[in-house]
Amino acid sequence: MISALRTFLERHLGTASDAARQEHGIELATAALFAEMMRIDGETTAEERDAARDAIVDRLGLSPAEAAELLEAAHEEVRAASDYFQFTSLLNRHFTQEQKIAVIERMWRVAYSDARLDEHELHLIRRIADLLHVPHPDFIAAKIRAREREGRRGKGEGEEGDLC
C-alpha cells in the first residue's frame, strides 16, 4: 500500500482488530474502483467527484470529509496499481453477488453523474463487471437503475448502446 493509504488506515483504524482491518481493506478496494471510474475519461468533474464520494459514504458510512480523504488516497493507490485484479480479487473473496452488483451500479452512477457516458467509462465498467463475475443481465439492470436515478442518458448512446 502506498503511504497516503497507509496513513489513512492508521489514522482511522488505529489498533483495530485484524478482522476490522480486513473489512476496511475490502472497502478501500471498493473506493479505489470508484476513484478509477472518476478519472478514467481523463476529466474529473465536480459531479463525478461528488458521486464517487457519495458512493463511498453510502458504502462505508463515513462522513463526507472522511470519504473525500479516502477517495484521494484511493485515487493514488489505483494510479500506482498495475491492474484491477488486486482490487476485484478482494471483492470476489468477500462480497456476495448482490454486493458486487451494487458496486457496479455505483460505478454506473459515477459514470452518468457528468451527463455523458465516455467509451473509457463503459469499457472500465464492463471490465470490472467481468472481473467480479457479474452476469450481463445484472450489468444491464444496474446500468438502467443508475441511469434512471441520475435522470439522464449518456452522450452518444443509442438504443443498441442501452443493451451493452
N, C-alpha and C. Protein backbone atom coordinates (compact mmCIF):
# COMPACT_ATOMS: atom_id res chain seq x y z
N MET A 1 0.84 -1.18 0.00
CA MET A 1 0.00 0.00 0.00
C MET A 1 0.88 1.24 0.00
N ILE A 2 0.42 2.24 -0.66
CA ILE A 2 1.20 3.47 -0.69
C ILE A 2 1.01 4.23 0.60
N SER A 3 1.83 5.22 0.82
CA SER A 3 1.86 5.92 2.10
C SER A 3 0.57 6.66 2.41
N ALA A 4 -0.07 7.32 1.45
CA ALA A 4 -1.30 8.06 1.73
C ALA A 4 -2.39 7.11 2.22
N LEU A 5 -2.49 5.95 1.61
CA LEU A 5 -3.49 4.98 2.02
C LEU A 5 -3.14 4.40 3.38
N ARG A 6 -1.87 4.11 3.59
CA ARG A 6 -1.44 3.58 4.88
C ARG A 6 -1.71 4.60 5.99
N THR A 7 -1.42 5.87 5.73
CA THR A 7 -1.68 6.93 6.70
C THR A 7 -3.16 7.02 7.02
N PHE A 8 -3.99 6.95 5.98
CA PHE A 8 -5.43 6.99 6.20
C PHE A 8 -5.87 5.83 7.09
N LEU A 9 -5.40 4.63 6.78
CA LEU A 9 -5.77 3.45 7.57
C LEU A 9 -5.32 3.59 9.02
N GLU A 10 -4.10 4.02 9.23
CA GLU A 10 -3.59 4.14 10.59
C GLU A 10 -4.39 5.17 11.39
N ARG A 11 -4.74 6.27 10.76
CA ARG A 11 -5.48 7.31 11.46
C ARG A 11 -6.90 6.87 11.79
N HIS A 12 -7.54 6.12 10.88
CA HIS A 12 -8.93 5.74 11.08
C HIS A 12 -9.12 4.38 11.74
N LEU A 13 -8.11 3.54 11.69
CA LEU A 13 -8.26 2.22 12.29
C LEU A 13 -7.49 2.06 13.60
N GLY A 14 -6.41 2.80 13.73
CA GLY A 14 -5.63 2.71 14.96
C GLY A 14 -5.26 1.29 15.28
N THR A 15 -5.75 0.82 16.41
CA THR A 15 -5.43 -0.54 16.87
C THR A 15 -6.59 -1.50 16.59
N ALA A 16 -7.28 -1.31 15.52
CA ALA A 16 -8.42 -2.18 15.18
C ALA A 16 -7.96 -3.62 15.00
N SER A 17 -8.90 -4.54 15.16
CA SER A 17 -8.61 -5.95 15.02
C SER A 17 -8.25 -6.28 13.56
N ASP A 18 -7.67 -7.47 13.39
CA ASP A 18 -7.34 -7.92 12.04
C ASP A 18 -8.59 -8.02 11.18
N ALA A 19 -9.70 -8.48 11.76
CA ALA A 19 -10.96 -8.58 11.01
C ALA A 19 -11.43 -7.21 10.57
N ALA A 20 -11.30 -6.21 11.44
CA ALA A 20 -11.71 -4.84 11.08
C ALA A 20 -10.79 -4.30 9.99
N ARG A 21 -9.51 -4.58 10.10
CA ARG A 21 -8.58 -4.13 9.06
C ARG A 21 -8.89 -4.79 7.72
N GLN A 22 -9.22 -6.07 7.75
CA GLN A 22 -9.57 -6.76 6.52
C GLN A 22 -10.82 -6.14 5.90
N GLU A 23 -11.81 -5.87 6.72
CA GLU A 23 -13.05 -5.24 6.23
C GLU A 23 -12.75 -3.88 5.61
N HIS A 24 -11.92 -3.10 6.24
CA HIS A 24 -11.58 -1.79 5.69
C HIS A 24 -10.74 -1.93 4.42
N GLY A 25 -9.91 -2.95 4.34
CA GLY A 25 -9.16 -3.20 3.11
C GLY A 25 -10.10 -3.49 1.94
N ILE A 26 -11.14 -4.24 2.22
CA ILE A 26 -12.15 -4.54 1.20
C ILE A 26 -12.84 -3.25 0.77
N GLU A 27 -13.20 -2.44 1.73
CA GLU A 27 -13.87 -1.19 1.41
C GLU A 27 -12.94 -0.23 0.66
N LEU A 28 -11.67 -0.24 1.00
CA LEU A 28 -10.70 0.60 0.29
C LEU A 28 -10.55 0.13 -1.16
N ALA A 29 -10.61 -1.17 -1.37
CA ALA A 29 -10.57 -1.68 -2.74
C ALA A 29 -11.77 -1.18 -3.53
N THR A 30 -12.92 -1.14 -2.87
CA THR A 30 -14.13 -0.61 -3.49
C THR A 30 -13.95 0.87 -3.82
N ALA A 31 -13.41 1.63 -2.88
CA ALA A 31 -13.17 3.06 -3.10
C ALA A 31 -12.20 3.28 -4.26
N ALA A 32 -11.21 2.41 -4.40
CA ALA A 32 -10.26 2.53 -5.50
C ALA A 32 -10.96 2.37 -6.85
N LEU A 33 -11.94 1.48 -6.92
CA LEU A 33 -12.69 1.33 -8.17
C LEU A 33 -13.50 2.58 -8.48
N PHE A 34 -14.08 3.20 -7.45
CA PHE A 34 -14.83 4.45 -7.66
C PHE A 34 -13.88 5.57 -8.09
N ALA A 35 -12.70 5.59 -7.51
CA ALA A 35 -11.71 6.62 -7.87
C ALA A 35 -11.28 6.45 -9.33
N GLU A 36 -11.08 5.22 -9.76
CA GLU A 36 -10.71 4.97 -11.14
C GLU A 36 -11.84 5.35 -12.09
N MET A 37 -13.06 5.07 -11.68
CA MET A 37 -14.22 5.43 -12.51
C MET A 37 -14.27 6.93 -12.71
N MET A 38 -13.94 7.66 -11.67
CA MET A 38 -13.97 9.11 -11.70
C MET A 38 -12.93 9.68 -12.67
N ARG A 39 -11.78 9.06 -12.78
CA ARG A 39 -10.69 9.63 -13.56
C ARG A 39 -10.51 9.02 -14.95
N ILE A 40 -11.18 7.93 -15.26
CA ILE A 40 -10.88 7.15 -16.46
C ILE A 40 -11.10 7.92 -17.76
N ASP A 41 -12.01 8.87 -17.79
CA ASP A 41 -12.26 9.59 -19.05
C ASP A 41 -11.32 10.77 -19.25
N GLY A 42 -10.36 10.94 -18.34
CA GLY A 42 -9.36 11.99 -18.49
C GLY A 42 -9.79 13.35 -17.97
N GLU A 43 -11.02 13.46 -17.52
CA GLU A 43 -11.52 14.73 -16.99
C GLU A 43 -12.38 14.43 -15.76
N THR A 44 -11.91 14.85 -14.62
CA THR A 44 -12.66 14.63 -13.39
C THR A 44 -13.49 15.87 -13.10
N THR A 45 -14.80 15.70 -13.14
CA THR A 45 -15.70 16.82 -12.89
C THR A 45 -16.11 16.83 -11.42
N ALA A 46 -16.64 17.95 -10.99
CA ALA A 46 -17.15 18.06 -9.62
C ALA A 46 -18.28 17.06 -9.41
N GLU A 47 -19.10 16.84 -10.43
CA GLU A 47 -20.21 15.90 -10.32
C GLU A 47 -19.70 14.47 -10.12
N GLU A 48 -18.65 14.11 -10.85
CA GLU A 48 -18.07 12.77 -10.69
C GLU A 48 -17.46 12.62 -9.30
N ARG A 49 -16.75 13.64 -8.86
CA ARG A 49 -16.14 13.60 -7.53
C ARG A 49 -17.22 13.45 -6.45
N ASP A 50 -18.31 14.20 -6.59
CA ASP A 50 -19.41 14.12 -5.63
C ASP A 50 -20.06 12.74 -5.66
N ALA A 51 -20.27 12.20 -6.86
CA ALA A 51 -20.89 10.87 -6.99
C ALA A 51 -20.00 9.79 -6.40
N ALA A 52 -18.70 9.87 -6.63
CA ALA A 52 -17.76 8.88 -6.06
C ALA A 52 -17.73 9.02 -4.54
N ARG A 53 -17.67 10.26 -4.06
CA ARG A 53 -17.68 10.48 -2.61
C ARG A 53 -18.97 9.94 -1.99
N ASP A 54 -20.11 10.21 -2.62
CA ASP A 54 -21.39 9.72 -2.11
C ASP A 54 -21.45 8.20 -2.10
N ALA A 55 -20.87 7.56 -3.12
CA ALA A 55 -20.83 6.10 -3.17
C ALA A 55 -20.03 5.56 -1.99
N ILE A 56 -18.94 6.24 -1.64
CA ILE A 56 -18.12 5.83 -0.51
C ILE A 56 -18.86 6.07 0.81
N VAL A 57 -19.53 7.20 0.93
CA VAL A 57 -20.32 7.50 2.13
C VAL A 57 -21.38 6.41 2.31
N ASP A 58 -22.09 6.07 1.23
CA ASP A 58 -23.12 5.02 1.29
C ASP A 58 -22.53 3.68 1.70
N ARG A 59 -21.39 3.34 1.12
CA ARG A 59 -20.80 2.02 1.32
C ARG A 59 -20.12 1.88 2.68
N LEU A 60 -19.41 2.94 3.10
CA LEU A 60 -18.61 2.85 4.33
C LEU A 60 -19.25 3.51 5.54
N GLY A 61 -20.20 4.39 5.31
CA GLY A 61 -20.78 5.12 6.43
C GLY A 61 -19.86 6.19 6.98
N LEU A 62 -18.93 6.66 6.16
CA LEU A 62 -18.02 7.73 6.58
C LEU A 62 -18.70 9.08 6.41
N SER A 63 -18.14 10.10 7.05
CA SER A 63 -18.60 11.46 6.81
C SER A 63 -18.15 11.87 5.41
N PRO A 64 -18.78 12.88 4.82
CA PRO A 64 -18.33 13.35 3.50
C PRO A 64 -16.86 13.77 3.49
N ALA A 65 -16.39 14.39 4.57
CA ALA A 65 -14.98 14.81 4.63
C ALA A 65 -14.05 13.59 4.66
N GLU A 66 -14.40 12.58 5.46
CA GLU A 66 -13.59 11.35 5.51
C GLU A 66 -13.63 10.64 4.16
N ALA A 67 -14.80 10.62 3.53
CA ALA A 67 -14.93 9.96 2.22
C ALA A 67 -14.08 10.67 1.18
N ALA A 68 -14.04 11.99 1.22
CA ALA A 68 -13.20 12.74 0.27
C ALA A 68 -11.73 12.42 0.48
N GLU A 69 -11.33 12.31 1.74
CA GLU A 69 -9.94 11.96 2.06
C GLU A 69 -9.62 10.54 1.59
N LEU A 70 -10.53 9.62 1.82
CA LEU A 70 -10.34 8.24 1.38
C LEU A 70 -10.29 8.17 -0.15
N LEU A 71 -11.13 8.94 -0.80
CA LEU A 71 -11.15 8.96 -2.26
C LEU A 71 -9.81 9.42 -2.82
N GLU A 72 -9.22 10.42 -2.19
CA GLU A 72 -7.91 10.90 -2.64
C GLU A 72 -6.85 9.82 -2.44
N ALA A 73 -6.86 9.16 -1.29
CA ALA A 73 -5.90 8.08 -1.04
C ALA A 73 -6.12 6.92 -2.01
N ALA A 74 -7.39 6.60 -2.27
CA ALA A 74 -7.71 5.51 -3.21
C ALA A 74 -7.28 5.88 -4.62
N HIS A 75 -7.42 7.13 -4.98
CA HIS A 75 -7.01 7.61 -6.30
C HIS A 75 -5.50 7.38 -6.48
N GLU A 76 -4.71 7.70 -5.47
CA GLU A 76 -3.27 7.47 -5.53
C GLU A 76 -2.96 5.97 -5.63
N GLU A 77 -3.71 5.16 -4.89
CA GLU A 77 -3.49 3.71 -4.91
C GLU A 77 -3.76 3.14 -6.29
N VAL A 78 -4.85 3.55 -6.91
CA VAL A 78 -5.19 2.99 -8.21
C VAL A 78 -4.22 3.47 -9.30
N ARG A 79 -3.70 4.68 -9.15
CA ARG A 79 -2.69 5.16 -10.11
C ARG A 79 -1.43 4.33 -10.04
N ALA A 80 -1.10 3.84 -8.86
CA ALA A 80 0.11 3.03 -8.68
C ALA A 80 -0.10 1.56 -9.02
N ALA A 81 -1.34 1.16 -9.19
CA ALA A 81 -1.65 -0.25 -9.45
C ALA A 81 -1.35 -0.61 -10.90
N SER A 82 -0.94 -1.86 -11.11
CA SER A 82 -0.67 -2.31 -12.47
C SER A 82 -1.91 -2.90 -13.13
N ASP A 83 -2.90 -3.29 -12.33
CA ASP A 83 -4.15 -3.82 -12.89
C ASP A 83 -5.24 -3.71 -11.83
N TYR A 84 -6.43 -4.16 -12.19
CA TYR A 84 -7.58 -4.07 -11.29
C TYR A 84 -7.77 -5.33 -10.46
N PHE A 85 -7.02 -6.38 -10.78
CA PHE A 85 -7.19 -7.66 -10.10
C PHE A 85 -6.98 -7.55 -8.60
N GLN A 86 -6.01 -6.76 -8.18
CA GLN A 86 -5.75 -6.64 -6.74
C GLN A 86 -6.96 -6.11 -5.99
N PHE A 87 -7.79 -5.32 -6.66
CA PHE A 87 -9.00 -4.78 -6.04
C PHE A 87 -10.16 -5.77 -6.17
N THR A 88 -10.37 -6.28 -7.38
CA THR A 88 -11.53 -7.15 -7.60
C THR A 88 -11.38 -8.51 -6.93
N SER A 89 -10.15 -8.99 -6.77
CA SER A 89 -9.97 -10.29 -6.12
C SER A 89 -10.43 -10.23 -4.66
N LEU A 90 -10.17 -9.12 -3.99
CA LEU A 90 -10.67 -8.95 -2.61
C LEU A 90 -12.19 -8.99 -2.58
N LEU A 91 -12.80 -8.27 -3.50
CA LEU A 91 -14.25 -8.23 -3.53
C LEU A 91 -14.84 -9.59 -3.87
N ASN A 92 -14.20 -10.31 -4.78
CA ASN A 92 -14.70 -11.65 -5.12
C ASN A 92 -14.64 -12.60 -3.94
N ARG A 93 -13.62 -12.46 -3.12
CA ARG A 93 -13.48 -13.35 -1.96
C ARG A 93 -14.47 -13.02 -0.84
N HIS A 94 -14.87 -11.76 -0.73
CA HIS A 94 -15.61 -11.35 0.45
C HIS A 94 -17.01 -10.78 0.20
N PHE A 95 -17.34 -10.44 -1.03
CA PHE A 95 -18.65 -9.85 -1.32
C PHE A 95 -19.61 -10.91 -1.83
N THR A 96 -20.88 -10.70 -1.48
CA THR A 96 -21.93 -11.52 -2.08
C THR A 96 -22.16 -11.03 -3.50
N GLN A 97 -22.90 -11.79 -4.26
CA GLN A 97 -23.23 -11.38 -5.63
C GLN A 97 -23.98 -10.05 -5.62
N GLU A 98 -24.89 -9.87 -4.67
CA GLU A 98 -25.66 -8.62 -4.57
C GLU A 98 -24.75 -7.43 -4.27
N GLN A 99 -23.76 -7.63 -3.43
CA GLN A 99 -22.82 -6.54 -3.12
C GLN A 99 -21.98 -6.18 -4.34
N LYS A 100 -21.59 -7.17 -5.12
CA LYS A 100 -20.81 -6.89 -6.33
C LYS A 100 -21.66 -6.13 -7.34
N ILE A 101 -22.92 -6.50 -7.47
CA ILE A 101 -23.82 -5.78 -8.38
C ILE A 101 -24.01 -4.35 -7.90
N ALA A 102 -24.09 -4.15 -6.58
CA ALA A 102 -24.22 -2.80 -6.03
C ALA A 102 -23.00 -1.95 -6.37
N VAL A 103 -21.81 -2.53 -6.35
CA VAL A 103 -20.59 -1.81 -6.73
C VAL A 103 -20.70 -1.38 -8.20
N ILE A 104 -21.13 -2.28 -9.06
CA ILE A 104 -21.28 -1.95 -10.48
C ILE A 104 -22.31 -0.83 -10.67
N GLU A 105 -23.40 -0.90 -9.94
CA GLU A 105 -24.41 0.16 -10.05
C GLU A 105 -23.85 1.51 -9.60
N ARG A 106 -23.08 1.51 -8.53
CA ARG A 106 -22.48 2.77 -8.07
C ARG A 106 -21.46 3.29 -9.08
N MET A 107 -20.74 2.38 -9.74
CA MET A 107 -19.82 2.82 -10.78
C MET A 107 -20.59 3.47 -11.93
N TRP A 108 -21.72 2.88 -12.30
CA TRP A 108 -22.58 3.49 -13.32
C TRP A 108 -23.02 4.89 -12.89
N ARG A 109 -23.38 5.04 -11.63
CA ARG A 109 -23.81 6.36 -11.14
C ARG A 109 -22.71 7.40 -11.30
N VAL A 110 -21.48 7.01 -11.00
CA VAL A 110 -20.36 7.93 -11.18
C VAL A 110 -20.22 8.26 -12.67
N ALA A 111 -20.32 7.26 -13.52
CA ALA A 111 -20.18 7.48 -14.97
C ALA A 111 -21.26 8.44 -15.49
N TYR A 112 -22.48 8.29 -15.03
CA TYR A 112 -23.59 9.12 -15.50
C TYR A 112 -23.66 10.48 -14.83
N SER A 113 -22.91 10.69 -13.78
CA SER A 113 -23.03 11.92 -12.99
C SER A 113 -22.69 13.18 -13.76
N ASP A 114 -21.82 13.09 -14.76
CA ASP A 114 -21.45 14.28 -15.54
C ASP A 114 -22.25 14.41 -16.83
N ALA A 115 -23.36 13.69 -16.92
CA ALA A 115 -24.31 13.77 -18.04
C ALA A 115 -23.77 13.23 -19.36
N ARG A 116 -22.69 12.47 -19.30
CA ARG A 116 -22.20 11.83 -20.52
C ARG A 116 -21.50 10.53 -20.16
N LEU A 117 -21.67 9.56 -21.04
CA LEU A 117 -21.02 8.26 -20.86
C LEU A 117 -19.90 8.15 -21.88
N ASP A 118 -18.69 8.20 -21.39
CA ASP A 118 -17.49 8.12 -22.23
C ASP A 118 -17.20 6.65 -22.53
N GLU A 119 -16.60 6.38 -23.69
CA GLU A 119 -16.28 5.00 -24.05
C GLU A 119 -15.30 4.36 -23.07
N HIS A 120 -14.42 5.15 -22.48
CA HIS A 120 -13.49 4.61 -21.48
C HIS A 120 -14.24 4.20 -20.21
N GLU A 121 -15.24 4.98 -19.84
CA GLU A 121 -16.06 4.63 -18.68
C GLU A 121 -16.81 3.32 -18.93
N LEU A 122 -17.41 3.20 -20.10
CA LEU A 122 -18.12 1.98 -20.45
C LEU A 122 -17.17 0.78 -20.41
N HIS A 123 -15.99 0.94 -21.00
CA HIS A 123 -15.02 -0.16 -21.02
C HIS A 123 -14.61 -0.56 -19.59
N LEU A 124 -14.37 0.43 -18.73
CA LEU A 124 -13.96 0.13 -17.36
C LEU A 124 -15.06 -0.63 -16.62
N ILE A 125 -16.29 -0.18 -16.73
CA ILE A 125 -17.37 -0.86 -16.02
C ILE A 125 -17.53 -2.29 -16.53
N ARG A 126 -17.44 -2.48 -17.84
CA ARG A 126 -17.53 -3.83 -18.39
C ARG A 126 -16.40 -4.71 -17.85
N ARG A 127 -15.21 -4.15 -17.82
CA ARG A 127 -14.04 -4.91 -17.34
C ARG A 127 -14.21 -5.31 -15.87
N ILE A 128 -14.61 -4.35 -15.05
CA ILE A 128 -14.79 -4.64 -13.62
C ILE A 128 -15.94 -5.64 -13.43
N ALA A 129 -17.02 -5.47 -14.16
CA ALA A 129 -18.14 -6.42 -14.06
C ALA A 129 -17.67 -7.83 -14.43
N ASP A 130 -16.86 -7.95 -15.46
CA ASP A 130 -16.32 -9.26 -15.84
C ASP A 130 -15.43 -9.82 -14.73
N LEU A 131 -14.55 -8.99 -14.18
CA LEU A 131 -13.66 -9.45 -13.12
C LEU A 131 -14.42 -9.83 -11.84
N LEU A 132 -15.57 -9.18 -11.63
CA LEU A 132 -16.40 -9.51 -10.46
C LEU A 132 -17.42 -10.61 -10.75
N HIS A 133 -17.39 -11.13 -11.97
CA HIS A 133 -18.30 -12.21 -12.37
C HIS A 133 -19.76 -11.79 -12.26
N VAL A 134 -20.05 -10.54 -12.64
CA VAL A 134 -21.42 -10.04 -12.66
C VAL A 134 -22.03 -10.43 -14.00
N PRO A 135 -23.11 -11.22 -13.99
CA PRO A 135 -23.73 -11.63 -15.26
C PRO A 135 -24.26 -10.42 -16.04
N HIS A 136 -24.28 -10.57 -17.36
CA HIS A 136 -24.68 -9.47 -18.23
C HIS A 136 -26.08 -8.91 -17.89
N PRO A 137 -27.08 -9.75 -17.61
CA PRO A 137 -28.39 -9.18 -17.26
C PRO A 137 -28.32 -8.29 -16.00
N ASP A 138 -27.51 -8.66 -15.04
CA ASP A 138 -27.35 -7.84 -13.83
C ASP A 138 -26.58 -6.56 -14.14
N PHE A 139 -25.61 -6.65 -15.04
CA PHE A 139 -24.84 -5.50 -15.50
C PHE A 139 -25.79 -4.47 -16.13
N ILE A 140 -26.69 -4.95 -17.00
CA ILE A 140 -27.64 -4.07 -17.68
C ILE A 140 -28.66 -3.51 -16.69
N ALA A 141 -29.16 -4.33 -15.79
CA ALA A 141 -30.14 -3.85 -14.80
C ALA A 141 -29.52 -2.77 -13.92
N ALA A 142 -28.26 -2.94 -13.53
CA ALA A 142 -27.57 -1.93 -12.72
C ALA A 142 -27.42 -0.63 -13.52
N LYS A 143 -27.12 -0.76 -14.80
CA LYS A 143 -26.98 0.41 -15.67
C LYS A 143 -28.30 1.17 -15.75
N ILE A 144 -29.38 0.46 -15.95
CA ILE A 144 -30.70 1.10 -16.07
C ILE A 144 -31.08 1.79 -14.77
N ARG A 145 -30.88 1.12 -13.64
CA ARG A 145 -31.20 1.74 -12.35
C ARG A 145 -30.39 3.02 -12.13
N ALA A 146 -29.11 2.95 -12.46
CA ALA A 146 -28.24 4.11 -12.27
C ALA A 146 -28.65 5.25 -13.19
N ARG A 147 -28.95 4.94 -14.42
CA ARG A 147 -29.35 5.98 -15.38
C ARG A 147 -30.66 6.62 -14.95
N GLU A 148 -31.60 5.81 -14.50
CA GLU A 148 -32.88 6.36 -14.02
C GLU A 148 -32.67 7.22 -12.78
N ARG A 149 -31.79 6.79 -11.91
CA ARG A 149 -31.52 7.55 -10.70
C ARG A 149 -30.87 8.89 -11.02
N GLU A 150 -29.97 8.89 -11.98
CA GLU A 150 -29.31 10.12 -12.38
C GLU A 150 -30.21 10.99 -13.24
N GLY A 151 -31.26 10.40 -13.84
CA GLY A 151 -32.22 11.17 -14.61
C GLY A 151 -31.71 11.67 -15.94
N ARG A 152 -30.71 10.98 -16.49
CA ARG A 152 -30.18 11.40 -17.79
C ARG A 152 -29.60 10.20 -18.54
N ARG A 153 -29.42 10.38 -19.83
CA ARG A 153 -28.79 9.36 -20.68
C ARG A 153 -27.37 9.76 -21.00
N GLY A 154 -26.51 8.77 -21.22
CA GLY A 154 -25.14 9.06 -21.63
C GLY A 154 -25.08 9.64 -23.03
N LYS A 155 -24.15 10.54 -23.25
CA LYS A 155 -23.96 11.17 -24.56
C LYS A 155 -23.57 10.12 -25.60
N GLY A 156 -24.22 10.18 -26.74
CA GLY A 156 -23.86 9.29 -27.83
C GLY A 156 -24.40 7.89 -27.70
N GLU A 157 -25.27 7.66 -26.75
CA GLU A 157 -25.78 6.33 -26.54
C GLU A 157 -27.07 6.14 -27.32
N GLY A 158 -27.08 5.20 -28.20
CA GLY A 158 -28.30 4.88 -28.93
C GLY A 158 -28.98 3.70 -28.32
N GLU A 159 -29.98 3.18 -29.01
CA GLU A 159 -30.72 2.05 -28.44
C GLU A 159 -29.83 0.83 -28.30
N GLU A 160 -28.93 0.61 -29.27
CA GLU A 160 -28.03 -0.53 -29.14
C GLU A 160 -27.11 -0.35 -27.94
N GLY A 161 -26.67 0.89 -27.66
CA GLY A 161 -25.82 1.17 -26.53
C GLY A 161 -26.45 0.82 -25.20
N ASP A 162 -27.80 0.86 -25.18
CA ASP A 162 -28.50 0.51 -23.95
C ASP A 162 -28.41 -0.97 -23.65
N LEU A 163 -28.11 -1.78 -24.65
CA LEU A 163 -28.07 -3.23 -24.46
C LEU A 163 -26.69 -3.71 -24.06
N CYS A 164 -25.70 -2.83 -24.10
CA CYS A 164 -24.32 -3.22 -23.80
C CYS A 164 -24.01 -3.10 -22.34
